[in-house]
Amino acid sequence: MDKRLAKRHKRQVERAKEKVKVSEPDVRTPEQIEAAREASRPEVNRGNQPKVAASGRSFRNRLATSTGSGAKTDG
């Protein structure tokens, strides 16, 4: 590394050290933590079940395979 890059790197490291954030400890009681977890859980009813994110990906894969296989069978 030449002098210019070394100085630049040194300045960047110093700036990064100044911007470091220290996380604060969780001072809630175990009861408060458990109550917060219960409140954040979604309600699961028969009509309101959470969707799986992978289902959208498999739909796209089915479309790609159906169009690709049709072109191969023509030839």
PDB file of N, CA and C in Angstrom:
ATOM      1  N   MET A   1       0.847  -1.181   0.000  1.00  0.00           N
ATOM      2  CA  MET A   1       0.000   0.000   0.000  1.00  0.00           C
ATOM      3  C   MET A   1       0.894   1.246   0.000  1.00  0.00           C
ATOM      4  N   ASP A   2       0.586   2.206  -0.860  1.00  0.00           N
ATOM      5  CA  ASP A   2       1.397   3.415  -0.848  1.00  0.00           C
ATOM      6  C   ASP A   2       0.945   4.351   0.278  1.00  0.00           C
ATOM      7  N   LYS A   3       1.662   5.442   0.456  1.00  0.00           N
ATOM      8  CA  LYS A   3       1.388   6.346   1.586  1.00  0.00           C
ATOM      9  C   LYS A   3      -0.015   6.923   1.536  1.00  0.00           C
ATOM     10  N   ARG A   4      -0.441   7.309   0.347  1.00  0.00           N
ATOM     11  CA  ARG A   4      -1.760   7.941   0.217  1.00  0.00           C
ATOM     12  C   ARG A   4      -2.864   6.978   0.648  1.00  0.00           C
ATOM     13  N   LEU A   5      -2.807   5.743   0.176  1.00  0.00           N
ATOM     14  CA  LEU A   5      -3.821   4.766   0.552  1.00  0.00           C
ATOM     15  C   LEU A   5      -3.746   4.416   2.028  1.00  0.00           C
ATOM     16  N   ALA A   6      -2.546   4.363   2.573  1.00  0.00           N
ATOM     17  CA  ALA A   6      -2.391   4.052   3.995  1.00  0.00           C
ATOM     18  C   ALA A   6      -3.017   5.145   4.856  1.00  0.00           C
ATOM     19  N   LYS A   7      -2.792   6.408   4.472  1.00  0.00           N
ATOM     20  CA  LYS A   7      -3.394   7.512   5.233  1.00  0.00           C
ATOM     21  C   LYS A   7      -4.911   7.483   5.136  1.00  0.00           C
ATOM     22  N   ARG A   8      -5.389   7.212   3.935  1.00  0.00           N
ATOM     23  CA  ARG A   8      -6.847   7.163   3.733  1.00  0.00           C
ATOM     24  C   ARG A   8      -7.467   6.052   4.575  1.00  0.00           C
ATOM     25  N   HIS A   9      -6.841   4.895   4.563  1.00  0.00           N
ATOM     26  CA  HIS A   9      -7.338   3.769   5.346  1.00  0.00           C
ATOM     27  C   HIS A   9      -7.329   4.099   6.841  1.00  0.00           C
ATOM     28  N   LYS A  10      -6.274   4.751   7.284  1.00  0.00           N
ATOM     29  CA  LYS A  10      -6.165   5.117   8.700  1.00  0.00           C
ATOM     30  C   LYS A  10      -7.302   6.056   9.093  1.00  0.00           C
ATOM     31  N   ARG A  11      -7.592   7.040   8.228  1.00  0.00           N
ATOM     32  CA  ARG A  11      -8.698   7.969   8.513  1.00  0.00           C
ATOM     33  C   ARG A  11     -10.030   7.237   8.553  1.00  0.00           C
ATOM     34  N   GLN A  12     -10.242   6.314   7.617  1.00  0.00           N
ATOM     35  CA  GLN A  12     -11.496   5.564   7.590  1.00  0.00           C
ATOM     36  C   GLN A  12     -11.669   4.720   8.840  1.00  0.00           C
ATOM     37  N   VAL A  13     -10.581   4.107   9.295  1.00  0.00           N
ATOM     38  CA  VAL A  13     -10.652   3.285  10.505  1.00  0.00           C
ATOM     39  C   VAL A  13     -10.979   4.156  11.714  1.00  0.00           C
ATOM     40  N   GLU A  14     -10.367   5.318  11.806  1.00  0.00           N
ATOM     41  CA  GLU A  14     -10.633   6.226  12.927  1.00  0.00           C
ATOM     42  C   GLU A  14     -12.095   6.669  12.932  1.00  0.00           C
ATOM     43  N   ARG A  15     -12.625   7.020  11.752  1.00  0.00           N
ATOM     44  CA  ARG A  15     -14.036   7.426  11.669  1.00  0.00           C
ATOM     45  C   ARG A  15     -14.960   6.278  12.047  1.00  0.00           C
ATOM     46  N   ALA A  16     -14.627   5.083  11.622  1.00  0.00           N
ATOM     47  CA  ALA A  16     -15.459   3.925  11.946  1.00  0.00           C
ATOM     48  C   ALA A  16     -15.456   3.648  13.446  1.00  0.00           C
ATOM     49  N   LYS A  17     -14.312   3.841  14.091  1.00  0.00           N
ATOM     50  CA  LYS A  17     -14.238   3.626  15.538  1.00  0.00           C
ATOM     51  C   LYS A  17     -15.097   4.629  16.292  1.00  0.00           C
ATOM     52  N   GLU A  18     -15.194   5.860  15.769  1.00  0.00           N
ATOM     53  CA  GLU A  18     -16.016   6.882  16.428  1.00  0.00           C
ATOM     54  C   GLU A  18     -17.506   6.563  16.322  1.00  0.00           C
ATOM     55  N   LYS A  19     -17.895   5.897  15.251  1.00  0.00           N
ATOM     56  CA  LYS A  19     -19.314   5.639  14.998  1.00  0.00           C
ATOM     57  C   LYS A  19     -19.822   4.337  15.603  1.00  0.00           C
ATOM     58  N   VAL A  20     -18.994   3.608  16.336  1.00  0.00           N
ATOM     59  CA  VAL A  20     -19.399   2.329  16.912  1.00  0.00           C
ATOM     60  C   VAL A  20     -20.508   2.554  17.927  1.00  0.00           C
ATOM     61  N   LYS A  21     -21.589   1.783  17.779  1.00  0.00           N
ATOM     62  CA  LYS A  21     -22.706   1.876  18.719  1.00  0.00           C
ATOM     63  C   LYS A  21     -22.630   0.700  19.688  1.00  0.00           C
ATOM     64  N   VAL A  22     -22.750   0.997  20.954  1.00  0.00           N
ATOM     65  CA  VAL A  22     -22.744  -0.051  21.965  1.00  0.00           C
ATOM     66  C   VAL A  22     -24.199  -0.357  22.304  1.00  0.00           C
ATOM     67  N   SER A  23     -24.576  -1.613  22.176  1.00  0.00           N
ATOM     68  CA  SER A  23     -25.961  -1.974  22.457  1.00  0.00           C
ATOM     69  C   SER A  23     -26.218  -1.928  23.959  1.00  0.00           C
ATOM     70  N   GLU A  24     -27.429  -1.529  24.295  1.00  0.00           N
ATOM     71  CA  GLU A  24     -27.799  -1.438  25.706  1.00  0.00           C
ATOM     72  C   GLU A  24     -28.357  -2.777  26.171  1.00  0.00           C
ATOM     73  N   PRO A  25     -28.098  -3.153  27.404  1.00  0.00           N
ATOM     74  CA  PRO A  25     -28.610  -4.434  27.903  1.00  0.00           C
ATOM     75  C   PRO A  25     -30.129  -4.394  28.075  1.00  0.00           C
ATOM     76  N   ASP A  26     -30.749  -5.546  27.943  1.00  0.00           N
ATOM     77  CA  ASP A  26     -32.198  -5.658  28.120  1.00  0.00           C
ATOM     78  C   ASP A  26     -32.480  -5.721  29.615  1.00  0.00           C
ATOM     79  N   VAL A  27     -33.104  -4.685  30.145  1.00  0.00           N
ATOM     80  CA  VAL A  27     -33.337  -4.603  31.593  1.00  0.00           C
ATOM     81  C   VAL A  27     -34.754  -5.022  31.983  1.00  0.00           C
ATOM     82  N   ARG A  28     -35.477  -5.640  31.024  1.00  0.00           N
ATOM     83  CA  ARG A  28     -36.832  -6.093  31.340  1.00  0.00           C
ATOM     84  C   ARG A  28     -36.780  -7.357  32.195  1.00  0.00           C
ATOM     85  N   THR A  29     -37.828  -7.549  32.971  1.00  0.00           N
ATOM     86  CA  THR A  29     -37.922  -8.764  33.779  1.00  0.00           C
ATOM     87  C   THR A  29     -38.320  -9.924  32.868  1.00  0.00           C
ATOM     88  N   PRO A  30     -38.073 -11.154  33.284  1.00  0.00           N
ATOM     89  CA  PRO A  30     -38.485 -12.306  32.457  1.00  0.00           C
ATOM     90  C   PRO A  30     -39.990 -12.313  32.163  1.00  0.00           C
ATOM     91  N   GLU A  31     -40.791 -11.832  33.103  1.00  0.00           N
ATOM     92  CA  GLU A  31     -42.244 -11.765  32.881  1.00  0.00           C
ATOM     93  C   GLU A  31     -42.582 -10.769  31.775  1.00  0.00           C
ATOM     94  N   GLN A  32     -41.884  -9.627  31.763  1.00  0.00           N
ATOM     95  CA  GLN A  32     -42.121  -8.623  30.723  1.00  0.00           C
ATOM     96  C   GLN A  32     -41.691  -9.148  29.352  1.00  0.00           C
ATOM     97  N   ILE A  33     -40.590  -9.869  29.318  1.00  0.00           N
ATOM     98  CA  ILE A  33     -40.110 -10.425  28.051  1.00  0.00           C
ATOM     99  C   ILE A  33     -41.112 -11.446  27.517  1.00  0.00           C
ATOM    100  N   GLU A  34     -41.603 -12.304  28.393  1.00  0.00           N
ATOM    101  CA  GLU A  34     -42.573 -13.318  27.983  1.00  0.00           C
ATOM    102  C   GLU A  34     -43.877 -12.671  27.518  1.00  0.00           C
ATOM    103  N   ALA A  35     -44.324 -11.618  28.199  1.00  0.00           N
ATOM    104  CA  ALA A  35     -45.542 -10.920  27.784  1.00  0.00           C
ATOM    105  C   ALA A  35     -45.359 -10.271  26.411  1.00  0.00           C
ATOM    106  N   ALA A  36     -44.179  -9.732  26.151  1.00  0.00           N
ATOM    107  CA  ALA A  36     -43.913  -9.128  24.846  1.00  0.00           C
ATOM    108  C   ALA A  36     -43.900 -10.183  23.744  1.00  0.00           C
ATOM    109  N   ARG A  37     -43.365 -11.360  24.037  1.00  0.00           N
ATOM    110  CA  ARG A  37     -43.369 -12.446  23.049  1.00  0.00           C
ATOM    111  C   ARG A  37     -44.789 -12.882  22.735  1.00  0.00           C
ATOM    112  N   GLU A  38     -45.608 -13.013  23.771  1.00  0.00           N
ATOM    113  CA  GLU A  38     -46.998 -13.418  23.562  1.00  0.00           C
ATOM    114  C   GLU A  38     -47.745 -12.381  22.732  1.00  0.00           C
ATOM    115  N   ALA A  39     -47.485 -11.104  22.993  1.00  0.00           N
ATOM    116  CA  ALA A  39     -48.178 -10.041  22.269  1.00  0.00           C
ATOM    117  C   ALA A  39     -47.756  -9.989  20.804  1.00  0.00           C
ATOM    118  N   SER A  40     -46.520 -10.368  20.514  1.00  0.00           N
ATOM    119  CA  SER A  40     -46.042 -10.267  19.134  1.00  0.00           C
ATOM    120  C   SER A  40     -46.385 -11.492  18.292  1.00  0.00           C
ATOM    121  N   ARG A  41     -46.843 -12.560  18.910  1.00  0.00           N
ATOM    122  CA  ARG A  41     -47.196 -13.762  18.147  1.00  0.00           C
ATOM    123  C   ARG A  41     -48.478 -13.519  17.363  1.00  0.00           C
ATOM    124  N   PRO A  42     -48.539 -13.999  16.113  1.00  0.00           N
ATOM    125  CA  PRO A  42     -49.764 -13.828  15.331  1.00  0.00           C
ATOM    126  C   PRO A  42     -50.832 -14.802  15.814  1.00  0.00           C
ATOM    127  N   GLU A  43     -52.080 -14.375  15.664  1.00  0.00           N
ATOM    128  CA  GLU A  43     -53.185 -15.261  16.008  1.00  0.00           C
ATOM    129  C   GLU A  43     -53.349 -16.271  14.889  1.00  0.00           C
ATOM    130  N   VAL A  44     -53.454 -17.552  15.240  1.00  0.00           N
ATOM    131  CA  VAL A  44     -53.617 -18.583  14.229  1.00  0.00           C
ATOM    132  C   VAL A  44     -55.031 -19.134  14.353  1.00  0.00           C
ATOM    133  N   ASN A  45     -55.886 -18.747  13.424  1.00  0.00           N
ATOM    134  CA  ASN A  45     -57.253 -19.254  13.355  1.00  0.00           C
ATOM    135  C   ASN A  45     -57.362 -20.145  12.122  1.00  0.00           C
ATOM    136  N   ARG A  46     -58.510 -20.756  11.936  1.00  0.00           N
ATOM    137  CA  ARG A  46     -58.665 -21.628  10.771  1.00  0.00           C
ATOM    138  C   ARG A  46     -58.528 -20.846   9.465  1.00  0.00           C
ATOM    139  N   GLY A  47     -59.077 -19.651   9.400  1.00  0.00           N
ATOM    140  CA  GLY A  47     -59.018 -18.871   8.173  1.00  0.00           C
ATOM    141  C   GLY A  47     -57.803 -17.978   8.090  1.00  0.00           C
ATOM    142  N   ASN A  48     -57.030 -17.901   9.162  1.00  0.00           N
ATOM    143  CA  ASN A  48     -55.910 -16.955   9.199  1.00  0.00           C
ATOM    144  C   ASN A  48     -54.611 -17.686   9.503  1.00  0.00           C
ATOM    145  N   GLN A  49     -54.226 -18.610   8.641  1.00  0.00           N
ATOM    146  CA  GLN A  49     -52.981 -19.336   8.862  1.00  0.00           C
ATOM    147  C   GLN A  49     -51.864 -18.646   8.099  1.00  0.00           C
ATOM    148  N   PRO A  50     -50.674 -18.566   8.692  1.00  0.00           N
ATOM    149  CA  PRO A  50     -49.565 -17.899   8.002  1.00  0.00           C
ATOM    150  C   PRO A  50     -49.169 -18.651   6.743  1.00  0.00           C
ATOM    151  N   LYS A  51     -48.853 -17.897   5.700  1.00  0.00           N
ATOM    152  CA  LYS A  51     -48.444 -18.480   4.416  1.00  0.00           C
ATOM    153  C   LYS A  51     -46.965 -18.832   4.456  1.00  0.00           C
ATOM    154  N   VAL A  52     -46.571 -19.827   3.714  1.00  0.00           N
ATOM    155  CA  VAL A  52     -45.173 -20.228   3.631  1.00  0.00           C
ATOM    156  C   VAL A  52     -44.528 -19.436   2.503  1.00  0.00           C
ATOM    157  N   ALA A  53     -43.373 -18.844   2.762  1.00  0.00           N
ATOM    158  CA  ALA A  53     -42.713 -18.006   1.764  1.00  0.00           C
ATOM    159  C   ALA A  53     -42.196 -18.820   0.589  1.00  0.00           C
ATOM    160  N   ALA A  54     -41.894 -20.080   0.784  1.00  0.00           N
ATOM    161  CA  ALA A  54     -41.318 -20.893  -0.280  1.00  0.00           C
ATOM    162  C   ALA A  54     -42.340 -21.242  -1.355  1.00  0.00           C
ATOM    163  N   SER A  55     -43.646 -21.081  -1.078  1.00  0.00           N
ATOM    164  CA  SER A  55     -44.646 -21.457  -2.072  1.00  0.00           C
ATOM    165  C   SER A  55     -44.557 -20.588  -3.315  1.00  0.00           C
ATOM    166  N   GLY A  56     -44.211 -19.318  -3.183  1.00  0.00           N
ATOM    167  CA  GLY A  56     -44.063 -18.447  -4.344  1.00  0.00           C
ATOM    168  C   GLY A  56     -42.907 -18.872  -5.215  1.00  0.00           C
ATOM    169  N   ARG A  57     -41.853 -19.360  -4.615  1.00  0.00           N
ATOM    170  CA  ARG A  57     -40.682 -19.783  -5.362  1.00  0.00           C
ATOM    171  C   ARG A  57     -40.999 -21.040  -6.179  1.00  0.00           C
ATOM    172  N   SER A  58     -41.755 -21.972  -5.619  1.00  0.00           N
ATOM    173  CA  SER A  58     -42.062 -23.187  -6.343  1.00  0.00           C
ATOM    174  C   SER A  58     -43.004 -22.897  -7.510  1.00  0.00           C
ATOM    175  N   PHE A  59     -43.850 -21.890  -7.380  1.00  0.00           N
ATOM    176  CA  PHE A  59     -44.746 -21.516  -8.465  1.00  0.00           C
ATOM    177  C   PHE A  59     -43.937 -21.037  -9.663  1.00  0.00           C
ATOM    178  N   ARG A  60     -42.926 -20.224  -9.419  1.00  0.00           N
ATOM    179  CA  ARG A  60     -42.089 -19.729 -10.506  1.00  0.00           C
ATOM    180  C   ARG A  60     -41.324 -20.882 -11.157  1.00  0.00           C
ATOM    181  N   ASN A  61     -40.883 -21.832 -10.347  1.00  0.00           N
ATOM    182  CA  ASN A  61     -40.155 -22.963 -10.905  1.00  0.00           C
ATOM    183  C   ASN A  61     -41.049 -23.803 -11.813  1.00  0.00           C
ATOM    184  N   ARG A  62     -42.313 -23.958 -11.449  1.00  0.00           N
ATOM    185  CA  ARG A  62     -43.228 -24.732 -12.279  1.00  0.00           C
ATOM    186  C   ARG A  62     -43.434 -24.066 -13.629  1.00  0.00           C
ATOM    187  N   LEU A  63     -43.550 -22.746 -13.642  1.00  0.00           N
ATOM    188  CA  LEU A  63     -43.727 -22.046 -14.906  1.00  0.00           C
ATOM    189  C   LEU A  63     -42.507 -22.224 -15.803  1.00  0.00           C
ATOM    190  N   ALA A  64     -41.329 -22.131 -15.241  1.00  0.00           N
ATOM    191  CA  ALA A  64     -40.109 -22.234 -16.042  1.00  0.00           C
ATOM    192  C   ALA A  64     -39.961 -23.642 -16.617  1.00  0.00           C
ATOM    193  N   THR A  65     -40.313 -24.658 -15.850  1.00  0.00           N
ATOM    194  CA  THR A  65     -40.140 -26.014 -16.357  1.00  0.00           C
ATOM    195  C   THR A  65     -41.200 -26.339 -17.402  1.00  0.00           C
ATOM    196  N   SER A  66     -42.405 -25.799 -17.280  1.00  0.00           N
ATOM    197  CA  SER A  66     -43.442 -26.128 -18.247  1.00  0.00           C
ATOM    198  C   SER A  66     -43.144 -25.507 -19.608  1.00  0.00           C
ATOM    199  N   THR A  67     -42.633 -24.286 -19.655  1.00  0.00           N
ATOM    200  CA  THR A  67     -42.327 -23.659 -20.936  1.00  0.00           C
ATOM    201  C   THR A  67     -41.076 -24.267 -21.556  1.00  0.00           C
ATOM    202  N   GLY A  68     -40.109 -24.630 -20.724  1.00  0.00           N
ATOM    203  CA  GLY A  68     -38.875 -25.207 -21.250  1.00  0.00           C
ATOM    204  C   GLY A  68     -39.081 -26.599 -21.796  1.00  0.00           C
ATOM    205  N   SER A  69     -39.909 -27.409 -21.152  1.00  0.00           N
ATOM    206  CA  SER A  69     -40.096 -28.780 -21.615  1.00  0.00           C
ATOM    207  C   SER A  69     -40.914 -28.823 -22.895  1.00  0.00           C
ATOM    208  N   GLY A  70     -41.812 -27.843 -23.119  1.00  0.00           N
ATOM    209  CA  GLY A  70     -42.600 -27.816 -24.342  1.00  0.00           C
ATOM    210  C   GLY A  70     -41.734 -27.573 -25.560  1.00  0.00           C
ATOM    211  N   ALA A  71     -40.731 -26.731 -25.433  1.00  0.00           N
ATOM    212  CA  ALA A  71     -39.843 -26.439 -26.552  1.00  0.00           C
ATOM    213  C   ALA A  71     -38.983 -27.660 -26.881  1.00  0.00           C
ATOM    214  N   LYS A  72     -38.607 -28.434 -25.877  1.00  0.00           N
ATOM    215  CA  LYS A  72     -37.752 -29.591 -26.109  1.00  0.00           C
ATOM    216  C   LYS A  72     -38.517 -30.709 -26.819  1.00  0.00           C
ATOM    217  N   THR A  73     -39.827 -30.875 -26.537  1.00  0.00           N
ATOM    218  CA  THR A  73     -40.583 -31.968 -27.139  1.00  0.00           C
ATOM    219  C   THR A  73     -40.942 -31.682 -28.588  1.00  0.00           C
ATOM    220  N   ASP A  74     -40.951 -30.381 -28.994  1.00  0.00           N
ATOM    221  CA  ASP A  74     -41.279 -30.051 -30.382  1.00  0.00           C
ATOM    222  C   ASP A  74     -40.195 -30.542 -31.339  1.00  0.00           C
ATOM    223  N   GLY A  75     -38.935 -30.489 -30.912  1.00  0.00           N
ATOM    224  CA  GLY A  75     -37.825 -30.799 -31.824  1.00  0.00           C
ATOM    225  C   GLY A  75     -37.578 -32.234 -31.908  1.00  0.00           C
TER     226      GLY A  75
END
